[in-house]
Amino acid sequence: MGRGGRAAARDTRQVVDERRRAGTLLAVRNESEWRYPACQFQDGEVVSGLREVVRGLAREGPWVTLDFLLAPDTVLEGKTPLQALRDGDREEVLRLVRASRGDGFG
């Protein structure tokens, strides 16, 4: 890899790490490394609404957030919250996030 390639890779890693710390990307720990679940991306971009879910469930932790995103929910007619986000049902998913935190009626 040329000098420019190494710098670009380092810059990309830095941006990804900053986004993880800011709560705009979901990352889970695997031993000493952060892993970024591929399911959070669609067409090379983070799924719309995911940032709000990650931030909304930050207290519960990243593994709970990943489980939340991948578990089918009857409120979403059996879809997972991730699929609902991909289908554009952002507000319904965010209602579930608020309800899971105990913020009233969702």
N, C-alpha and C. Protein backbone atom coordinates (compact mmCIF):
# COMPACT_ATOMS: atom_id res chain seq x y z
N MET A 1 0.85 -1.16 0.00
CA MET A 1 0.00 0.00 0.00
C MET A 1 0.90 1.23 0.00
N GLY A 2 0.64 2.16 -0.88
CA GLY A 2 1.44 3.37 -0.95
C GLY A 2 1.19 4.29 0.23
N ARG A 3 2.00 5.30 0.30
CA ARG A 3 1.91 6.25 1.41
C ARG A 3 0.53 6.89 1.50
N GLY A 4 -0.02 7.29 0.36
CA GLY A 4 -1.35 7.88 0.34
C GLY A 4 -2.43 6.91 0.78
N GLY A 5 -2.28 5.64 0.40
CA GLY A 5 -3.24 4.61 0.78
C GLY A 5 -3.27 4.38 2.28
N ARG A 6 -2.09 4.37 2.90
CA ARG A 6 -2.02 4.20 4.36
C ARG A 6 -2.66 5.39 5.07
N ALA A 7 -2.41 6.58 4.57
CA ALA A 7 -2.98 7.77 5.19
C ALA A 7 -4.50 7.76 5.05
N ALA A 8 -5.00 7.37 3.89
CA ALA A 8 -6.44 7.31 3.68
C ALA A 8 -7.08 6.27 4.60
N ALA A 9 -6.44 5.11 4.74
CA ALA A 9 -6.96 4.06 5.62
C ALA A 9 -6.98 4.54 7.07
N ARG A 10 -5.91 5.23 7.49
CA ARG A 10 -5.84 5.76 8.85
C ARG A 10 -6.94 6.80 9.06
N ASP A 11 -7.14 7.68 8.07
CA ASP A 11 -8.19 8.70 8.17
C ASP A 11 -9.57 8.05 8.27
N THR A 12 -9.79 7.00 7.47
CA THR A 12 -11.07 6.29 7.50
C THR A 12 -11.30 5.65 8.86
N ARG A 13 -10.28 5.00 9.41
CA ARG A 13 -10.41 4.39 10.73
C ARG A 13 -10.72 5.44 11.79
N GLN A 14 -10.07 6.59 11.66
CA GLN A 14 -10.28 7.67 12.62
C GLN A 14 -11.72 8.20 12.53
N VAL A 15 -12.23 8.37 11.33
CA VAL A 15 -13.60 8.85 11.15
C VAL A 15 -14.59 7.84 11.71
N VAL A 16 -14.38 6.57 11.43
CA VAL A 16 -15.26 5.52 11.93
C VAL A 16 -15.23 5.50 13.46
N ASP A 17 -14.05 5.61 14.05
CA ASP A 17 -13.93 5.62 15.51
C ASP A 17 -14.62 6.84 16.10
N GLU A 18 -14.49 7.98 15.46
CA GLU A 18 -15.18 9.19 15.94
C GLU A 18 -16.70 9.01 15.88
N ARG A 19 -17.18 8.40 14.80
CA ARG A 19 -18.62 8.16 14.68
C ARG A 19 -19.11 7.18 15.74
N ARG A 20 -18.29 6.18 16.05
CA ARG A 20 -18.67 5.24 17.12
C ARG A 20 -18.78 5.99 18.44
N ARG A 21 -17.78 6.80 18.77
CA ARG A 21 -17.81 7.54 20.03
C ARG A 21 -18.95 8.55 20.09
N ALA A 22 -19.33 9.09 18.95
CA ALA A 22 -20.42 10.06 18.90
C ALA A 22 -21.79 9.39 18.94
N GLY A 23 -21.81 8.06 18.82
CA GLY A 23 -23.08 7.34 18.85
C GLY A 23 -23.82 7.36 17.53
N THR A 24 -23.10 7.52 16.43
CA THR A 24 -23.75 7.50 15.13
C THR A 24 -23.50 6.21 14.36
N LEU A 25 -22.70 5.32 14.93
CA LEU A 25 -22.47 3.98 14.38
C LEU A 25 -22.56 2.98 15.52
N LEU A 26 -23.11 1.83 15.23
CA LEU A 26 -23.17 0.75 16.21
C LEU A 26 -21.88 -0.05 16.13
N ALA A 27 -21.24 -0.23 17.27
CA ALA A 27 -20.02 -1.04 17.34
C ALA A 27 -20.11 -1.91 18.57
N VAL A 28 -19.68 -3.16 18.43
CA VAL A 28 -19.65 -4.09 19.56
C VAL A 28 -18.22 -4.53 19.78
N ARG A 29 -17.89 -4.80 21.03
CA ARG A 29 -16.54 -5.23 21.37
C ARG A 29 -16.41 -6.73 21.16
N ASN A 30 -15.32 -7.11 20.50
CA ASN A 30 -14.94 -8.51 20.35
C ASN A 30 -13.50 -8.58 20.84
N GLU A 31 -13.37 -9.05 22.08
CA GLU A 31 -12.08 -9.03 22.76
C GLU A 31 -11.60 -7.59 22.84
N SER A 32 -10.50 -7.25 22.21
CA SER A 32 -9.98 -5.89 22.34
C SER A 32 -10.31 -5.00 21.14
N GLU A 33 -11.09 -5.50 20.20
CA GLU A 33 -11.38 -4.75 18.98
C GLU A 33 -12.85 -4.40 18.86
N TRP A 34 -13.11 -3.26 18.26
CA TRP A 34 -14.47 -2.87 17.93
C TRP A 34 -14.85 -3.48 16.59
N ARG A 35 -16.05 -4.02 16.53
CA ARG A 35 -16.60 -4.58 15.28
C ARG A 35 -17.86 -3.80 14.93
N TYR A 36 -18.05 -3.56 13.65
CA TYR A 36 -19.18 -2.78 13.16
C TYR A 36 -20.10 -3.69 12.36
N PRO A 37 -21.23 -4.09 12.94
CA PRO A 37 -22.13 -5.02 12.26
C PRO A 37 -22.54 -4.50 10.88
N ALA A 38 -22.37 -5.35 9.88
CA ALA A 38 -22.68 -4.98 8.50
C ALA A 38 -24.17 -4.67 8.30
N CYS A 39 -25.01 -5.23 9.15
CA CYS A 39 -26.46 -5.04 8.98
C CYS A 39 -26.89 -3.58 9.12
N GLN A 40 -26.06 -2.74 9.71
CA GLN A 40 -26.44 -1.34 9.90
C GLN A 40 -26.23 -0.49 8.65
N PHE A 41 -25.67 -1.10 7.60
CA PHE A 41 -25.40 -0.36 6.36
C PHE A 41 -26.34 -0.82 5.26
N GLN A 42 -26.71 0.13 4.42
CA GLN A 42 -27.54 -0.16 3.26
C GLN A 42 -27.05 0.74 2.13
N ASP A 43 -26.67 0.13 1.03
CA ASP A 43 -26.15 0.88 -0.12
C ASP A 43 -24.98 1.78 0.27
N GLY A 44 -24.10 1.28 1.13
CA GLY A 44 -22.91 2.01 1.52
C GLY A 44 -23.12 3.11 2.54
N GLU A 45 -24.32 3.26 3.04
CA GLU A 45 -24.64 4.29 4.04
C GLU A 45 -25.24 3.64 5.28
N VAL A 46 -25.18 4.35 6.39
CA VAL A 46 -25.83 3.87 7.61
C VAL A 46 -27.34 3.97 7.40
N VAL A 47 -28.06 2.94 7.79
CA VAL A 47 -29.51 2.91 7.65
C VAL A 47 -30.11 4.14 8.35
N SER A 48 -31.00 4.81 7.67
CA SER A 48 -31.64 6.01 8.22
C SER A 48 -32.38 5.66 9.52
N GLY A 49 -32.15 6.46 10.54
CA GLY A 49 -32.78 6.24 11.84
C GLY A 49 -31.92 5.45 12.81
N LEU A 50 -30.88 4.80 12.31
CA LEU A 50 -30.05 3.97 13.19
C LEU A 50 -29.35 4.81 14.26
N ARG A 51 -28.91 5.99 13.89
CA ARG A 51 -28.22 6.86 14.85
C ARG A 51 -29.10 7.11 16.07
N GLU A 52 -30.38 7.40 15.84
CA GLU A 52 -31.29 7.66 16.94
C GLU A 52 -31.50 6.43 17.82
N VAL A 53 -31.54 5.26 17.19
CA VAL A 53 -31.68 4.02 17.96
C VAL A 53 -30.44 3.79 18.81
N VAL A 54 -29.26 3.94 18.22
CA VAL A 54 -28.00 3.72 18.95
C VAL A 54 -27.92 4.68 20.14
N ARG A 55 -28.23 5.94 19.90
CA ARG A 55 -28.19 6.92 20.99
C ARG A 55 -29.28 6.65 22.02
N GLY A 56 -30.45 6.27 21.55
CA GLY A 56 -31.57 6.03 22.46
C GLY A 56 -31.35 4.84 23.38
N LEU A 57 -30.57 3.87 22.93
CA LEU A 57 -30.31 2.68 23.73
C LEU A 57 -28.89 2.65 24.28
N ALA A 58 -28.22 3.77 24.28
CA ALA A 58 -26.81 3.83 24.71
C ALA A 58 -26.60 3.29 26.11
N ARG A 59 -27.51 3.58 27.03
CA ARG A 59 -27.37 3.08 28.41
C ARG A 59 -27.40 1.57 28.49
N GLU A 60 -28.16 0.95 27.61
CA GLU A 60 -28.28 -0.50 27.63
C GLU A 60 -27.05 -1.19 27.05
N GLY A 61 -26.31 -0.48 26.21
CA GLY A 61 -25.08 -1.04 25.64
C GLY A 61 -25.26 -1.52 24.22
N PRO A 62 -24.15 -1.72 23.53
CA PRO A 62 -24.21 -2.07 22.11
C PRO A 62 -24.76 -3.46 21.82
N TRP A 63 -24.49 -4.44 22.68
CA TRP A 63 -25.02 -5.78 22.41
C TRP A 63 -26.54 -5.81 22.56
N VAL A 64 -27.07 -5.09 23.53
CA VAL A 64 -28.52 -5.00 23.70
C VAL A 64 -29.12 -4.27 22.51
N THR A 65 -28.45 -3.22 22.05
CA THR A 65 -28.92 -2.48 20.88
C THR A 65 -28.97 -3.37 19.65
N LEU A 66 -27.93 -4.17 19.44
CA LEU A 66 -27.90 -5.08 18.30
C LEU A 66 -29.03 -6.10 18.41
N ASP A 67 -29.24 -6.64 19.60
CA ASP A 67 -30.34 -7.59 19.82
C ASP A 67 -31.68 -6.92 19.52
N PHE A 68 -31.87 -5.69 20.00
CA PHE A 68 -33.10 -4.94 19.74
C PHE A 68 -33.34 -4.82 18.23
N LEU A 69 -32.30 -4.46 17.49
CA LEU A 69 -32.44 -4.25 16.05
C LEU A 69 -32.79 -5.52 15.29
N LEU A 70 -32.34 -6.67 15.79
CA LEU A 70 -32.48 -7.92 15.04
C LEU A 70 -33.62 -8.82 15.52
N ALA A 71 -34.31 -8.42 16.59
CA ALA A 71 -35.38 -9.26 17.14
C ALA A 71 -36.74 -8.85 16.56
N PRO A 72 -37.45 -9.78 15.94
CA PRO A 72 -38.79 -9.45 15.43
C PRO A 72 -39.69 -8.94 16.56
N ASP A 73 -40.56 -8.01 16.22
CA ASP A 73 -41.43 -7.40 17.23
C ASP A 73 -42.87 -7.41 16.73
N THR A 74 -43.79 -7.82 17.59
CA THR A 74 -45.21 -7.87 17.20
C THR A 74 -45.75 -6.48 16.88
N VAL A 75 -45.25 -5.44 17.55
CA VAL A 75 -45.70 -4.08 17.27
C VAL A 75 -45.38 -3.70 15.82
N LEU A 76 -44.33 -4.28 15.29
CA LEU A 76 -43.92 -4.02 13.91
C LEU A 76 -44.42 -5.10 12.96
N GLU A 77 -45.46 -5.81 13.39
CA GLU A 77 -46.07 -6.88 12.60
C GLU A 77 -45.07 -7.97 12.24
N GLY A 78 -44.21 -8.30 13.22
CA GLY A 78 -43.26 -9.39 13.05
C GLY A 78 -41.95 -8.99 12.40
N LYS A 79 -41.84 -7.75 11.95
CA LYS A 79 -40.56 -7.30 11.37
C LYS A 79 -39.59 -6.97 12.49
N THR A 80 -38.32 -6.97 12.15
CA THR A 80 -37.31 -6.51 13.10
C THR A 80 -37.28 -4.97 13.02
N PRO A 81 -36.86 -4.31 14.09
CA PRO A 81 -36.70 -2.86 14.01
C PRO A 81 -35.76 -2.43 12.88
N LEU A 82 -34.73 -3.22 12.61
CA LEU A 82 -33.82 -2.88 11.51
C LEU A 82 -34.56 -2.91 10.18
N GLN A 83 -35.36 -3.94 9.95
CA GLN A 83 -36.12 -4.00 8.70
C GLN A 83 -37.14 -2.87 8.63
N ALA A 84 -37.75 -2.54 9.75
CA ALA A 84 -38.70 -1.43 9.77
C ALA A 84 -38.01 -0.12 9.42
N LEU A 85 -36.79 0.09 9.93
CA LEU A 85 -36.04 1.29 9.56
C LEU A 85 -35.77 1.31 8.06
N ARG A 86 -35.36 0.18 7.53
CA ARG A 86 -35.08 0.09 6.09
C ARG A 86 -36.33 0.34 5.26
N ASP A 87 -37.49 -0.04 5.81
CA ASP A 87 -38.76 0.17 5.12
C ASP A 87 -39.31 1.58 5.31
N GLY A 88 -38.61 2.40 6.11
CA GLY A 88 -39.05 3.78 6.32
C GLY A 88 -39.95 4.00 7.52
N ASP A 89 -40.11 2.97 8.38
CA ASP A 89 -40.97 3.09 9.57
C ASP A 89 -40.19 3.63 10.77
N ARG A 90 -39.46 4.68 10.56
CA ARG A 90 -38.57 5.26 11.57
C ARG A 90 -39.30 5.63 12.85
N GLU A 91 -40.42 6.33 12.74
CA GLU A 91 -41.14 6.80 13.93
C GLU A 91 -41.64 5.65 14.79
N GLU A 92 -42.11 4.59 14.16
CA GLU A 92 -42.59 3.42 14.93
C GLU A 92 -41.44 2.78 15.70
N VAL A 93 -40.28 2.69 15.08
CA VAL A 93 -39.10 2.11 15.75
C VAL A 93 -38.67 3.01 16.90
N LEU A 94 -38.65 4.30 16.69
CA LEU A 94 -38.24 5.22 17.75
C LEU A 94 -39.24 5.20 18.91
N ARG A 95 -40.51 4.96 18.62
CA ARG A 95 -41.51 4.77 19.69
C ARG A 95 -41.14 3.56 20.54
N LEU A 96 -40.71 2.49 19.89
CA LEU A 96 -40.29 1.30 20.63
C LEU A 96 -39.06 1.58 21.49
N VAL A 97 -38.13 2.36 20.96
CA VAL A 97 -36.94 2.74 21.73
C VAL A 97 -37.36 3.51 22.97
N ARG A 98 -38.23 4.51 22.81
CA ARG A 98 -38.68 5.30 23.96
C ARG A 98 -39.42 4.43 24.96
N ALA A 99 -40.24 3.51 24.48
CA ALA A 99 -40.98 2.62 25.37
C ALA A 99 -40.03 1.70 26.14
N SER A 100 -38.97 1.24 25.48
CA SER A 100 -38.04 0.34 26.14
C SER A 100 -37.24 1.05 27.22
N ARG A 101 -37.11 2.37 27.09
CA ARG A 101 -36.40 3.16 28.11
C ARG A 101 -37.35 3.59 29.22
N GLY A 102 -38.63 3.34 29.06
CA GLY A 102 -39.58 3.76 30.08
C GLY A 102 -39.94 5.22 29.98
N ASP A 103 -39.84 5.81 28.78
CA ASP A 103 -40.17 7.22 28.58
C ASP A 103 -41.65 7.38 28.25
N GLY A 104 -42.50 6.99 29.15
CA GLY A 104 -43.93 7.18 28.93
C GLY A 104 -44.53 6.13 28.04
N PHE A 105 -45.41 6.56 27.18
CA PHE A 105 -46.16 5.64 26.32
C PHE A 105 -45.50 5.40 24.99
N GLY A 106 -44.25 5.85 24.83
CA GLY A 106 -43.55 5.63 23.57
C GLY A 106 -43.93 6.67 22.62
